[in-house]
Amino acid sequence: MIKYPNNFNNSVGRDFDGVFEWDYLEGIFPRGIMPMDWDGVVELNSKFLVFESKDVGVEVPEGQLWALIRATIVGPFIVIIIWGKKIPEFYQLIINGKMRDKKECTQETIRRFCQKWAEWAEK
């Protein structure tokens, strides 16, 4: 089930291999929960960097946000939420269950953060 098909079709990823239809799971999980995706994941030495991207002005839905926060509590995950699908404008980190302040950014800001994360994960 794609909430915003026009937005989705305008931002298809580079290795896009089709849409998985989740509709047959509707009603299975409590409280209307449905599977979500992670926009990107990098794993280095059992450490994970999870990317979630949103259009500028769009907030992360509450249920998705709780799942992202909890992933950083139970495992070696860091989440970076990026606003701006093509050109990043803002980002926010979730580390050890804590949300950091939302900050302005550029592509270079995100590149530097990812490089520092990779250096840390390689230790």
PDB file of N, CA and C in Angstrom:
ATOM      1  N   MET A   1       0.846  -1.167   0.000  1.00  0.00           N
ATOM      2  CA  MET A   1       0.000   0.000   0.000  1.00  0.00           C
ATOM      3  C   MET A   1       0.895   1.235   0.000  1.00  0.00           C
ATOM      4  N   ILE A   2       0.859   1.996  -1.035  1.00  0.00           N
ATOM      5  CA  ILE A   2       1.664   3.216  -1.150  1.00  0.00           C
ATOM      6  C   ILE A   2       0.748   4.399  -0.864  1.00  0.00           C
ATOM      7  N   LYS A   3       1.085   5.164   0.188  1.00  0.00           N
ATOM      8  CA  LYS A   3       0.231   6.285   0.589  1.00  0.00           C
ATOM      9  C   LYS A   3       0.195   7.384  -0.457  1.00  0.00           C
ATOM     10  N   TYR A   4       1.332   7.704  -1.044  1.00  0.00           N
ATOM     11  CA  TYR A   4       1.430   8.809  -1.995  1.00  0.00           C
ATOM     12  C   TYR A   4       2.059   8.305  -3.289  1.00  0.00           C
ATOM     13  N   PRO A   5       1.287   7.627  -4.144  1.00  0.00           N
ATOM     14  CA  PRO A   5       1.864   7.004  -5.343  1.00  0.00           C
ATOM     15  C   PRO A   5       2.545   7.986  -6.289  1.00  0.00           C
ATOM     16  N   ASN A   6       2.023   9.203  -6.429  1.00  0.00           N
ATOM     17  CA  ASN A   6       2.670  10.168  -7.327  1.00  0.00           C
ATOM     18  C   ASN A   6       4.053  10.539  -6.822  1.00  0.00           C
ATOM     19  N   ASN A   7       4.166  10.822  -5.530  1.00  0.00           N
ATOM     20  CA  ASN A   7       5.484  11.123  -4.945  1.00  0.00           C
ATOM     21  C   ASN A   7       6.418   9.932  -5.098  1.00  0.00           C
ATOM     22  N   PHE A   8       5.902   8.739  -4.832  1.00  0.00           N
ATOM     23  CA  PHE A   8       6.710   7.532  -4.930  1.00  0.00           C
ATOM     24  C   PHE A   8       7.255   7.365  -6.344  1.00  0.00           C
ATOM     25  N   ASN A   9       6.391   7.496  -7.329  1.00  0.00           N
ATOM     26  CA  ASN A   9       6.808   7.299  -8.716  1.00  0.00           C
ATOM     27  C   ASN A   9       7.800   8.356  -9.186  1.00  0.00           C
ATOM     28  N   ASN A  10       7.795   9.528  -8.559  1.00  0.00           N
ATOM     29  CA  ASN A  10       8.736  10.583  -8.924  1.00  0.00           C
ATOM     30  C   ASN A  10      10.080  10.445  -8.215  1.00  0.00           C
ATOM     31  N   SER A  11      10.200   9.514  -7.270  1.00  0.00           N
ATOM     32  CA  SER A  11      11.461   9.395  -6.528  1.00  0.00           C
ATOM     33  C   SER A  11      11.922   7.943  -6.440  1.00  0.00           C
ATOM     34  N   VAL A  12      11.706   7.195  -7.488  1.00  0.00           N
ATOM     35  CA  VAL A  12      12.100   5.785  -7.517  1.00  0.00           C
ATOM     36  C   VAL A  12      13.616   5.673  -7.425  1.00  0.00           C
ATOM     37  N   GLY A  13      14.090   4.787  -6.565  1.00  0.00           N
ATOM     38  CA  GLY A  13      15.515   4.590  -6.328  1.00  0.00           C
ATOM     39  C   GLY A  13      16.251   4.021  -7.516  1.00  0.00           C
ATOM     40  N   ARG A  14      17.556   4.114  -7.441  1.00  0.00           N
ATOM     41  CA  ARG A  14      18.380   3.733  -8.589  1.00  0.00           C
ATOM     42  C   ARG A  14      18.336   2.238  -8.887  1.00  0.00           C
ATOM     43  N   ASP A  15      18.197   1.388  -7.870  1.00  0.00           N
ATOM     44  CA  ASP A  15      18.112  -0.056  -8.090  1.00  0.00           C
ATOM     45  C   ASP A  15      16.696  -0.571  -7.851  1.00  0.00           C
ATOM     46  N   PHE A  16      15.710   0.248  -8.123  1.00  0.00           N
ATOM     47  CA  PHE A  16      14.315  -0.088  -7.881  1.00  0.00           C
ATOM     48  C   PHE A  16      13.947  -1.358  -8.624  1.00  0.00           C
ATOM     49  N   ASP A  17      13.378  -2.317  -7.893  1.00  0.00           N
ATOM     50  CA  ASP A  17      13.031  -3.594  -8.521  1.00  0.00           C
ATOM     51  C   ASP A  17      11.541  -3.919  -8.415  1.00  0.00           C
ATOM     52  N   GLY A  18      10.730  -2.912  -8.196  1.00  0.00           N
ATOM     53  CA  GLY A  18       9.289  -3.120  -8.166  1.00  0.00           C
ATOM     54  C   GLY A  18       8.688  -2.838  -6.797  1.00  0.00           C
ATOM     55  N   VAL A  19       7.381  -2.844  -6.771  1.00  0.00           N
ATOM     56  CA  VAL A  19       6.632  -2.560  -5.548  1.00  0.00           C
ATOM     57  C   VAL A  19       6.162  -3.878  -4.944  1.00  0.00           C
ATOM     58  N   PHE A  20       6.420  -4.060  -3.660  1.00  0.00           N
ATOM     59  CA  PHE A  20       5.888  -5.208  -2.944  1.00  0.00           C
ATOM     60  C   PHE A  20       4.555  -4.791  -2.349  1.00  0.00           C
ATOM     61  N   GLU A  21       3.503  -5.516  -2.663  1.00  0.00           N
ATOM     62  CA  GLU A  21       2.169  -5.190  -2.160  1.00  0.00           C
ATOM     63  C   GLU A  21       1.966  -5.823  -0.784  1.00  0.00           C
ATOM     64  N   TRP A  22       1.753  -4.994   0.222  1.00  0.00           N
ATOM     65  CA  TRP A  22       1.580  -5.450   1.598  1.00  0.00           C
ATOM     66  C   TRP A  22       0.119  -5.593   1.988  1.00  0.00           C
ATOM     67  N   ASP A  23      -0.785  -5.242   1.100  1.00  0.00           N
ATOM     68  CA  ASP A  23      -2.202  -5.160   1.455  1.00  0.00           C
ATOM     69  C   ASP A  23      -2.748  -6.443   2.079  1.00  0.00           C
ATOM     70  N   TYR A  24      -2.235  -7.610   1.695  1.00  0.00           N
ATOM     71  CA  TYR A  24      -2.764  -8.863   2.226  1.00  0.00           C
ATOM     72  C   TYR A  24      -2.455  -9.040   3.715  1.00  0.00           C
ATOM     73  N   LEU A  25      -1.606  -8.183   4.280  1.00  0.00           N
ATOM     74  CA  LEU A  25      -1.326  -8.249   5.716  1.00  0.00           C
ATOM     75  C   LEU A  25      -2.193  -7.288   6.529  1.00  0.00           C
ATOM     76  N   GLU A  26      -3.027  -6.519   5.834  1.00  0.00           N
ATOM     77  CA  GLU A  26      -3.874  -5.559   6.540  1.00  0.00           C
ATOM     78  C   GLU A  26      -4.775  -6.288   7.538  1.00  0.00           C
ATOM     79  N   GLY A  27      -4.802  -5.787   8.774  1.00  0.00           N
ATOM     80  CA  GLY A  27      -5.617  -6.380   9.828  1.00  0.00           C
ATOM     81  C   GLY A  27      -4.926  -7.471  10.624  1.00  0.00           C
ATOM     82  N   ILE A  28      -3.745  -7.885  10.211  1.00  0.00           N
ATOM     83  CA  ILE A  28      -3.016  -8.950  10.918  1.00  0.00           C
ATOM     84  C   ILE A  28      -2.369  -8.430  12.201  1.00  0.00           C
ATOM     85  N   PHE A  29      -1.747  -7.253  12.128  1.00  0.00           N
ATOM     86  CA  PHE A  29      -1.028  -6.699  13.263  1.00  0.00           C
ATOM     87  C   PHE A  29      -1.940  -5.762  14.052  1.00  0.00           C
ATOM     88  N   PRO A  30      -1.730  -5.652  15.359  1.00  0.00           N
ATOM     89  CA  PRO A  30      -2.602  -4.787  16.164  1.00  0.00           C
ATOM     90  C   PRO A  30      -2.449  -3.310  15.802  1.00  0.00           C
ATOM     91  N   ARG A  31      -3.466  -2.517  16.170  1.00  0.00           N
ATOM     92  CA  ARG A  31      -3.461  -1.052  16.062  1.00  0.00           C
ATOM     93  C   ARG A  31      -3.227  -0.545  14.642  1.00  0.00           C
ATOM     94  N   GLY A  32      -3.547  -1.350  13.635  1.00  0.00           N
ATOM     95  CA  GLY A  32      -3.396  -0.906  12.252  1.00  0.00           C
ATOM     96  C   GLY A  32      -1.960  -0.893  11.749  1.00  0.00           C
ATOM     97  N   ILE A  33      -1.052  -1.523  12.467  1.00  0.00           N
ATOM     98  CA  ILE A  33       0.362  -1.554  12.075  1.00  0.00           C
ATOM     99  C   ILE A  33       0.518  -2.279  10.745  1.00  0.00           C
ATOM    100  N   MET A  34       1.335  -1.685   9.867  1.00  0.00           N
ATOM    101  CA  MET A  34       1.679  -2.295   8.584  1.00  0.00           C
ATOM    102  C   MET A  34       3.198  -2.242   8.421  1.00  0.00           C
ATOM    103  N   PRO A  35       3.780  -3.136   7.625  1.00  0.00           N
ATOM    104  CA  PRO A  35       5.222  -3.084   7.409  1.00  0.00           C
ATOM    105  C   PRO A  35       5.644  -1.733   6.836  1.00  0.00           C
ATOM    106  N   MET A  36       6.867  -1.335   7.183  1.00  0.00           N
ATOM    107  CA  MET A  36       7.439  -0.099   6.648  1.00  0.00           C
ATOM    108  C   MET A  36       8.763  -0.454   5.987  1.00  0.00           C
ATOM    109  N   ASP A  37       9.281   0.466   5.217  1.00  0.00           N
ATOM    110  CA  ASP A  37      10.589   0.240   4.613  1.00  0.00           C
ATOM    111  C   ASP A  37      11.604   1.202   5.217  1.00  0.00           C
ATOM    112  N   TRP A  38      12.835   0.843   5.058  1.00  0.00           N
ATOM    113  CA  TRP A  38      13.941   1.753   5.353  1.00  0.00           C
ATOM    114  C   TRP A  38      14.462   2.193   3.997  1.00  0.00           C
ATOM    115  N   ASP A  39      14.675   3.480   3.835  1.00  0.00           N
ATOM    116  CA  ASP A  39      15.087   3.979   2.524  1.00  0.00           C
ATOM    117  C   ASP A  39      16.495   3.537   2.149  1.00  0.00           C
ATOM    118  N   GLY A  40      17.314   3.291   3.130  1.00  0.00           N
ATOM    119  CA  GLY A  40      18.663   2.811   2.860  1.00  0.00           C
ATOM    120  C   GLY A  40      19.287   2.288   4.141  1.00  0.00           C
ATOM    121  N   VAL A  41      20.128   1.270   4.012  1.00  0.00           N
ATOM    122  CA  VAL A  41      20.839   0.706   5.162  1.00  0.00           C
ATOM    123  C   VAL A  41      22.252   0.361   4.716  1.00  0.00           C
ATOM    124  N   VAL A  42      23.226   0.747   5.542  1.00  0.00           N
ATOM    125  CA  VAL A  42      24.611   0.350   5.333  1.00  0.00           C
ATOM    126  C   VAL A  42      25.026  -0.454   6.551  1.00  0.00           C
ATOM    127  N   GLU A  43      25.683  -1.602   6.324  1.00  0.00           N
ATOM    128  CA  GLU A  43      26.188  -2.423   7.421  1.00  0.00           C
ATOM    129  C   GLU A  43      27.693  -2.535   7.282  1.00  0.00           C
ATOM    130  N   LEU A  44      28.395  -2.222   8.350  1.00  0.00           N
ATOM    131  CA  LEU A  44      29.840  -2.411   8.434  1.00  0.00           C
ATOM    132  C   LEU A  44      30.148  -3.041   9.776  1.00  0.00           C
ATOM    133  N   ASN A  45      30.734  -4.223   9.769  1.00  0.00           N
ATOM    134  CA  ASN A  45      31.156  -4.886  11.008  1.00  0.00           C
ATOM    135  C   ASN A  45      30.026  -4.977  12.030  1.00  0.00           C
ATOM    136  N   SER A  46      28.852  -5.373  11.572  1.00  0.00           N
ATOM    137  CA  SER A  46      27.666  -5.547  12.424  1.00  0.00           C
ATOM    138  C   SER A  46      27.168  -4.245  13.044  1.00  0.00           C
ATOM    139  N   LYS A  47      27.514  -3.120  12.452  1.00  0.00           N
ATOM    140  CA  LYS A  47      26.992  -1.812  12.847  1.00  0.00           C
ATOM    141  C   LYS A  47      26.187  -1.297  11.664  1.00  0.00           C
ATOM    142  N   PHE A  48      25.043  -0.665  11.955  1.00  0.00           N
ATOM    143  CA  PHE A  48      24.098  -0.299  10.908  1.00  0.00           C
ATOM    144  C   PHE A  48      23.826   1.196  10.899  1.00  0.00           C
ATOM    145  N   LEU A  49      23.854   1.769   9.716  1.00  0.00           N
ATOM    146  CA  LEU A  49      23.439   3.148   9.495  1.00  0.00           C
ATOM    147  C   LEU A  49      22.186   3.083   8.631  1.00  0.00           C
ATOM    148  N   VAL A  50      21.075   3.568   9.187  1.00  0.00           N
ATOM    149  CA  VAL A  50      19.780   3.508   8.521  1.00  0.00           C
ATOM    150  C   VAL A  50      19.418   4.905   8.030  1.00  0.00           C
ATOM    151  N   PHE A  51      19.024   4.996   6.768  1.00  0.00           N
ATOM    152  CA  PHE A  51      18.605   6.253   6.163  1.00  0.00           C
ATOM    153  C   PHE A  51      17.093   6.260   6.008  1.00  0.00           C
ATOM    154  N   GLU A  52      16.480   7.346   6.433  1.00  0.00           N
ATOM    155  CA  GLU A  52      15.062   7.580   6.169  1.00  0.00           C
ATOM    156  C   GLU A  52      14.971   8.955   5.534  1.00  0.00           C
ATOM    157  N   SER A  53      14.294   9.057   4.403  1.00  0.00           N
ATOM    158  CA  SER A  53      14.197  10.350   3.721  1.00  0.00           C
ATOM    159  C   SER A  53      12.739  10.772   3.619  1.00  0.00           C
ATOM    160  N   LYS A  54      12.534  12.064   3.729  1.00  0.00           N
ATOM    161  CA  LYS A  54      11.208  12.655   3.616  1.00  0.00           C
ATOM    162  C   LYS A  54      11.311  13.909   2.765  1.00  0.00           C
ATOM    163  N   ASP A  55      10.210  14.270   2.137  1.00  0.00           N
ATOM    164  CA  ASP A  55      10.158  15.566   1.468  1.00  0.00           C
ATOM    165  C   ASP A  55      10.221  16.651   2.531  1.00  0.00           C
ATOM    166  N   VAL A  56      10.747  17.799   2.182  1.00  0.00           N
ATOM    167  CA  VAL A  56      10.815  18.922   3.105  1.00  0.00           C
ATOM    168  C   VAL A  56       9.400  19.253   3.573  1.00  0.00           C
ATOM    169  N   GLY A  57       9.239  19.404   4.880  1.00  0.00           N
ATOM    170  CA  GLY A  57       7.938  19.730   5.445  1.00  0.00           C
ATOM    171  C   GLY A  57       7.105  18.523   5.829  1.00  0.00           C
ATOM    172  N   VAL A  58       7.556  17.324   5.491  1.00  0.00           N
ATOM    173  CA  VAL A  58       6.827  16.099   5.820  1.00  0.00           C
ATOM    174  C   VAL A  58       7.479  15.478   7.051  1.00  0.00           C
ATOM    175  N   GLU A  59       6.688  15.211   8.057  1.00  0.00           N
ATOM    176  CA  GLU A  59       7.223  14.603   9.274  1.00  0.00           C
ATOM    177  C   GLU A  59       7.182  13.080   9.174  1.00  0.00           C
ATOM    178  N   VAL A  60       8.034  12.429   9.933  1.00  0.00           N
ATOM    179  CA  VAL A  60       8.036  10.969  10.004  1.00  0.00           C
ATOM    180  C   VAL A  60       6.791  10.554  10.789  1.00  0.00           C
ATOM    181  N   PRO A  61       5.978   9.646  10.240  1.00  0.00           N
ATOM    182  CA  PRO A  61       4.794   9.199  10.974  1.00  0.00           C
ATOM    183  C   PRO A  61       5.185   8.625  12.340  1.00  0.00           C
ATOM    184  N   GLU A  62       4.310   8.824  13.318  1.00  0.00           N
ATOM    185  CA  GLU A  62       4.628   8.452  14.699  1.00  0.00           C
ATOM    186  C   GLU A  62       5.048   6.990  14.843  1.00  0.00           C
ATOM    187  N   GLY A  63       4.303   6.080  14.229  1.00  0.00           N
ATOM    188  CA  GLY A  63       4.647   4.664  14.351  1.00  0.00           C
ATOM    189  C   GLY A  63       6.002   4.342  13.756  1.00  0.00           C
ATOM    190  N   GLN A  64       6.314   4.937  12.615  1.00  0.00           N
ATOM    191  CA  GLN A  64       7.613   4.726  11.972  1.00  0.00           C
ATOM    192  C   GLN A  64       8.723   5.306  12.844  1.00  0.00           C
ATOM    193  N   LEU A  65       8.468   6.473  13.419  1.00  0.00           N
ATOM    194  CA  LEU A  65       9.465   7.101  14.281  1.00  0.00           C
ATOM    195  C   LEU A  65       9.766   6.225  15.493  1.00  0.00           C
ATOM    196  N   TRP A  66       8.719   5.671  16.114  1.00  0.00           N
ATOM    197  CA  TRP A  66       8.938   4.779  17.258  1.00  0.00           C
ATOM    198  C   TRP A  66       9.780   3.569  16.850  1.00  0.00           C
ATOM    199  N   ALA A  67       9.503   3.000  15.686  1.00  0.00           N
ATOM    200  CA  ALA A  67      10.281   1.838  15.227  1.00  0.00           C
ATOM    201  C   ALA A  67      11.750   2.216  15.019  1.00  0.00           C
ATOM    202  N   LEU A  68      12.001   3.377  14.434  1.00  0.00           N
ATOM    203  CA  LEU A  68      13.378   3.823  14.202  1.00  0.00           C
ATOM    204  C   LEU A  68      14.090   4.085  15.524  1.00  0.00           C
ATOM    205  N   ILE A  69      13.420   4.741  16.451  1.00  0.00           N
ATOM    206  CA  ILE A  69      14.020   5.000  17.763  1.00  0.00           C
ATOM    207  C   ILE A  69      14.344   3.689  18.460  1.00  0.00           C
ATOM    208  N   ARG A  70      13.404   2.765  18.460  1.00  0.00           N
ATOM    209  CA  ARG A  70      13.610   1.489  19.160  1.00  0.00           C
ATOM    210  C   ARG A  70      14.707   0.650  18.521  1.00  0.00           C
ATOM    211  N   ALA A  71      14.878   0.747  17.219  1.00  0.00           N
ATOM    212  CA  ALA A  71      15.981   0.022  16.573  1.00  0.00           C
ATOM    213  C   ALA A  71      17.318   0.484  17.124  1.00  0.00           C
ATOM    214  N   THR A  72      17.429   1.770  17.425  1.00  0.00           N
ATOM    215  CA  THR A  72      18.705   2.281  17.951  1.00  0.00           C
ATOM    216  C   THR A  72      18.916   1.900  19.406  1.00  0.00           C
ATOM    217  N   ILE A  73      17.870   1.460  20.073  1.00  0.00           N
ATOM    218  CA  ILE A  73      17.991   1.018  21.468  1.00  0.00           C
ATOM    219  C   ILE A  73      18.413  -0.444  21.535  1.00  0.00           C
ATOM    220  N   VAL A  74      17.841  -1.285  20.688  1.00  0.00           N
ATOM    221  CA  VAL A  74      18.063  -2.731  20.790  1.00  0.00           C
ATOM    222  C   VAL A  74      19.258  -3.235  19.988  1.00  0.00           C
ATOM    223  N   GLY A  75      19.803  -2.420  19.112  1.00  0.00           N
ATOM    224  CA  GLY A  75      20.911  -2.897  18.294  1.00  0.00           C
ATOM    225  C   GLY A  75      21.887  -1.796  17.973  1.00  0.00           C
ATOM    226  N   PRO A  76      22.958  -2.168  17.305  1.00  0.00           N
ATOM    227  CA  PRO A  76      23.975  -1.170  16.936  1.00  0.00           C
ATOM    228  C   PRO A  76      23.545  -0.379  15.701  1.00  0.00           C
ATOM    229  N   PHE A  77      22.464   0.387  15.853  1.00  0.00           N
ATOM    230  CA  PHE A  77      21.891   1.171  14.767  1.00  0.00           C
ATOM    231  C   PHE A  77      22.051   2.655  15.058  1.00  0.00           C
ATOM    232  N   ILE A  78      22.342   3.411  14.019  1.00  0.00           N
ATOM    233  CA  ILE A  78      22.214   4.868  14.033  1.00  0.00           C
ATOM    234  C   ILE A  78      21.299   5.200  12.871  1.00  0.00           C
ATOM    235  N   VAL A  79      20.338   6.070  13.113  1.00  0.00           N
ATOM    236  CA  VAL A  79      19.381   6.467  12.074  1.00  0.00           C
ATOM    237  C   VAL A  79      19.641   7.919  11.711  1.00  0.00           C
ATOM    238  N   ILE A  80      19.669   8.192  10.430  1.00  0.00           N
ATOM    239  CA  ILE A  80      19.741   9.566   9.947  1.00  0.00           C
ATOM    240  C   ILE A  80      18.505   9.823   9.086  1.00  0.00           C
ATOM    241  N   ILE A  81      17.710  10.784   9.531  1.00  0.00           N
ATOM    242  CA  ILE A  81      16.532  11.200   8.778  1.00  0.00           C
ATOM    243  C   ILE A  81      16.944  12.416   7.965  1.00  0.00           C
ATOM    244  N   ILE A  82      16.687  12.366   6.678  1.00  0.00           N
ATOM    245  CA  ILE A  82      17.086  13.454   5.777  1.00  0.00           C
ATOM    246  C   ILE A  82      15.833  14.023   5.115  1.00  0.00           C
ATOM    247  N   TRP A  83      15.664  15.333   5.226  1.00  0.00           N
ATOM    248  CA  TRP A  83      14.567  16.021   4.533  1.00  0.00           C
ATOM    249  C   TRP A  83      15.129  16.672   3.284  1.00  0.00           C
ATOM    250  N   GLY A  84      14.514  16.335   2.152  1.00  0.00           N
ATOM    251  CA  GLY A  84      14.980  16.773   0.841  1.00  0.00           C
ATOM    252  C   GLY A  84      15.362  15.539   0.067  1.00  0.00           C
ATOM    253  N   LYS A  85      14.497  15.081  -0.795  1.00  0.00           N
ATOM    254  CA  LYS A  85      14.713  13.815  -1.501  1.00  0.00           C
ATOM    255  C   LYS A  85      15.875  13.872  -2.482  1.00  0.00           C
ATOM    256  N   LYS A  86      16.019  14.981  -3.188  1.00  0.00           N
ATOM    257  CA  LYS A  86      17.108  15.073  -4.168  1.00  0.00           C
ATOM    258  C   LYS A  86      18.284  15.874  -3.624  1.00  0.00           C
ATOM    259  N   ILE A  87      17.989  16.954  -2.950  1.00  0.00           N
ATOM    260  CA  ILE A  87      19.034  17.778  -2.340  1.00  0.00           C
ATOM    261  C   ILE A  87      18.709  17.906  -0.857  1.00  0.00           C
ATOM    262  N   PRO A  88      19.545  17.331   0.011  1.00  0.00           N
ATOM    263  CA  PRO A  88      19.237  17.400   1.443  1.00  0.00           C
ATOM    264  C   PRO A  88      19.233  18.837   1.947  1.00  0.00           C
ATOM    265  N   GLU A  89      18.221  19.164   2.759  1.00  0.00           N
ATOM    266  CA  GLU A  89      18.126  20.488   3.362  1.00  0.00           C
ATOM    267  C   GLU A  89      18.254  20.438   4.882  1.00  0.00           C
ATOM    268  N   PHE A  90      17.735  19.349   5.487  1.00  0.00           N
ATOM    269  CA  PHE A  90      17.808  19.168   6.939  1.00  0.00           C
ATOM    270  C   PHE A  90      18.099  17.710   7.230  1.00  0.00           C
ATOM    271  N   TYR A  91      18.676  17.470   8.422  1.00  0.00           N
ATOM    272  CA  TYR A  91      18.848  16.097   8.873  1.00  0.00           C
ATOM    273  C   TYR A  91      18.673  16.043  10.380  1.00  0.00           C
ATOM    274  N   GLN A  92      18.397  14.838  10.856  1.00  0.00           N
ATOM    275  CA  GLN A  92      18.255  14.606  12.289  1.00  0.00           C
ATOM    276  C   GLN A  92      18.758  13.198  12.572  1.00  0.00           C
ATOM    277  N   LEU A  93      19.516  13.052  13.629  1.00  0.00           N
ATOM    278  CA  LEU A  93      20.063  11.756  14.012  1.00  0.00           C
ATOM    279  C   LEU A  93      19.267  11.159  15.164  1.00  0.00           C
ATOM    280  N   ILE A  94      19.207   9.828  15.165  1.00  0.00           N
ATOM    281  CA  ILE A  94      18.699   9.084  16.310  1.00  0.00           C
ATOM    282  C   ILE A  94      19.812   8.145  16.730  1.00  0.00           C
ATOM    283  N   ILE A  95      20.295   8.324  17.958  1.00  0.00           N
ATOM    284  CA  ILE A  95      21.404   7.522  18.478  1.00  0.00           C
ATOM    285  C   ILE A  95      21.038   7.059  19.889  1.00  0.00           C
ATOM    286  N   ASN A  96      21.137   5.763  20.119  1.00  0.00           N
ATOM    287  CA  ASN A  96      20.843   5.184  21.441  1.00  0.00           C
ATOM    288  C   ASN A  96      19.474   5.618  21.970  1.00  0.00           C
ATOM    289  N   GLY A  97      18.491   5.661  21.094  1.00  0.00           N
ATOM    290  CA  GLY A  97      17.137   5.992  21.500  1.00  0.00           C
ATOM    291  C   GLY A  97      16.865   7.465  21.693  1.00  0.00           C
ATOM    292  N   LYS A  98      17.838   8.301  21.440  1.00  0.00           N
ATOM    293  CA  LYS A  98      17.687   9.750  21.639  1.00  0.00           C
ATOM    294  C   LYS A  98      17.712  10.469  20.298  1.00  0.00           C
ATOM    295  N   MET A  99      16.749  11.366  20.126  1.00  0.00           N
ATOM    296  CA  MET A  99      16.712  12.173  18.909  1.00  0.00           C
ATOM    297  C   MET A  99      17.544  13.421  19.122  1.00  0.00           C
ATOM    298  N   ARG A 100      18.472  13.646  18.227  1.00  0.00           N
ATOM    299  CA  ARG A 100      19.269  14.868  18.252  1.00  0.00           C
ATOM    300  C   ARG A 100      18.478  15.994  17.601  1.00  0.00           C
ATOM    301  N   ASP A 101      18.969  17.211  17.725  1.00  0.00           N
ATOM    302  CA  ASP A 101      18.301  18.362  17.123  1.00  0.00           C
ATOM    303  C   ASP A 101      18.321  18.254  15.595  1.00  0.00           C
ATOM    304  N   LYS A 102      17.256  18.724  14.982  1.00  0.00           N
ATOM    305  CA  LYS A 102      17.175  18.805  13.525  1.00  0.00           C
ATOM    306  C   LYS A 102      18.051  19.972  13.080  1.00  0.00           C
ATOM    307  N   LYS A 103      18.906  19.731  12.059  1.00  0.00           N
ATOM    308  CA  LYS A 103      19.850  20.748  11.612  1.00  0.00           C
ATOM    309  C   LYS A 103      19.785  20.927  10.103  1.00  0.00           C
ATOM    310  N   GLU A 104      20.144  22.121   9.660  1.00  0.00           N
ATOM    311  CA  GLU A 104      20.291  22.357   8.227  1.00  0.00           C
ATOM    312  C   GLU A 104      21.498  21.576   7.721  1.00  0.00           C
ATOM    313  N   CYS A 105      21.480  21.217   6.437  1.00  0.00           N
ATOM    314  CA  CYS A 105      22.596  20.469   5.884  1.00  0.00           C
ATOM    315  C   CYS A 105      22.699  20.674   4.383  1.00  0.00           C
ATOM    316  N   THR A 106      23.775  20.146   3.853  1.00  0.00           N
ATOM    317  CA  THR A 106      24.009  20.067   2.416  1.00  0.00           C
ATOM    318  C   THR A 106      24.393  18.625   2.107  1.00  0.00           C
ATOM    319  N   GLN A 107      24.578  18.325   0.849  1.00  0.00           N
ATOM    320  CA  GLN A 107      25.068  16.990   0.498  1.00  0.00           C
ATOM    321  C   GLN A 107      26.414  16.729   1.154  1.00  0.00           C
ATOM    322  N   GLU A 108      27.245  17.754   1.227  1.00  0.00           N
ATOM    323  CA  GLU A 108      28.566  17.585   1.835  1.00  0.00           C
ATOM    324  C   GLU A 108      28.459  17.275   3.326  1.00  0.00           C
ATOM    325  N   THR A 109      27.499  17.878   4.015  1.00  0.00           N
ATOM    326  CA  THR A 109      27.273  17.579   5.431  1.00  0.00           C
ATOM    327  C   THR A 109      26.981  16.090   5.602  1.00  0.00           C
ATOM    328  N   ILE A 110      26.095  15.567   4.775  1.00  0.00           N
ATOM    329  CA  ILE A 110      25.711  14.156   4.863  1.00  0.00           C
ATOM    330  C   ILE A 110      26.903  13.269   4.506  1.00  0.00           C
ATOM    331  N   ARG A 111      27.651  13.644   3.493  1.00  0.00           N
ATOM    332  CA  ARG A 111      28.849  12.879   3.107  1.00  0.00           C
ATOM    333  C   ARG A 111      29.854  12.809   4.257  1.00  0.00           C
ATOM    334  N   ARG A 112      30.108  13.950   4.894  1.00  0.00           N
ATOM    335  CA  ARG A 112      31.063  13.975   6.017  1.00  0.00           C
ATOM    336  C   ARG A 112      30.586  13.116   7.179  1.00  0.00           C
ATOM    337  N   PHE A 113      29.285  13.209   7.489  1.00  0.00           N
ATOM    338  CA  PHE A 113      28.757  12.376   8.567  1.00  0.00           C
ATOM    339  C   PHE A 113      28.936  10.895   8.240  1.00  0.00           C
ATOM    340  N   CYS A 114      28.576  10.507   7.016  1.00  0.00           N
ATOM    341  CA  CYS A 114      28.700   9.101   6.614  1.00  0.00           C
ATOM    342  C   CYS A 114      30.153   8.644   6.643  1.00  0.00           C
ATOM    343  N   GLN A 115      31.057   9.512   6.251  1.00  0.00           N
ATOM    344  CA  GLN A 115      32.471   9.156   6.289  1.00  0.00           C
ATOM    345  C   GLN A 115      32.934   8.932   7.732  1.00  0.00           C
ATOM    346  N   LYS A 116      32.525   9.815   8.638  1.00  0.00           N
ATOM    347  CA  LYS A 116      32.882   9.637  10.056  1.00  0.00           C
ATOM    348  C   LYS A 116      32.261   8.369  10.622  1.00  0.00           C
ATOM    349  N   TRP A 117      31.008   8.096  10.247  1.00  0.00           N
ATOM    350  CA  TRP A 117      30.367   6.870  10.705  1.00  0.00           C
ATOM    351  C   TRP A 117      31.137   5.648  10.215  1.00  0.00           C
ATOM    352  N   ALA A 118      31.538   5.651   8.944  1.00  0.00           N
ATOM    353  CA  ALA A 118      32.267   4.521   8.363  1.00  0.00           C
ATOM    354  C   ALA A 118      33.597   4.328   9.071  1.00  0.00           C
ATOM    355  N   GLU A 119      34.296   5.404   9.376  1.00  0.00           N
ATOM    356  CA  GLU A 119      35.565   5.307  10.106  1.00  0.00           C
ATOM    357  C   GLU A 119      35.330   4.690  11.479  1.00  0.00           C
ATOM    358  N   TRP A 120      34.263   5.110  12.173  1.00  0.00           N
ATOM    359  CA  TRP A 120      33.931   4.564  13.487  1.00  0.00           C
ATOM    360  C   TRP A 120      33.576   3.077  13.368  1.00  0.00           C
ATOM    361  N   ALA A 121      32.779   2.723  12.363  1.00  0.00           N
ATOM    362  CA  ALA A 121      32.324   1.332  12.203  1.00  0.00           C
ATOM    363  C   ALA A 121      33.459   0.401  11.835  1.00  0.00           C
ATOM    364  N   GLU A 122      34.491   0.917  11.212  1.00  0.00           N
ATOM    365  CA  GLU A 122      35.643   0.087  10.815  1.00  0.00           C
ATOM    366  C   GLU A 122      36.580  -0.210  11.967  1.00  0.00           C
ATOM    367  N   LYS A 123      36.422   0.481  13.089  1.00  0.00           N
ATOM    368  CA  LYS A 123      37.317   0.242  14.241  1.00  0.00           C
ATOM    369  C   LYS A 123      37.034  -1.088  14.890  1.00  0.00           C
TER     370      LYS A 123
END
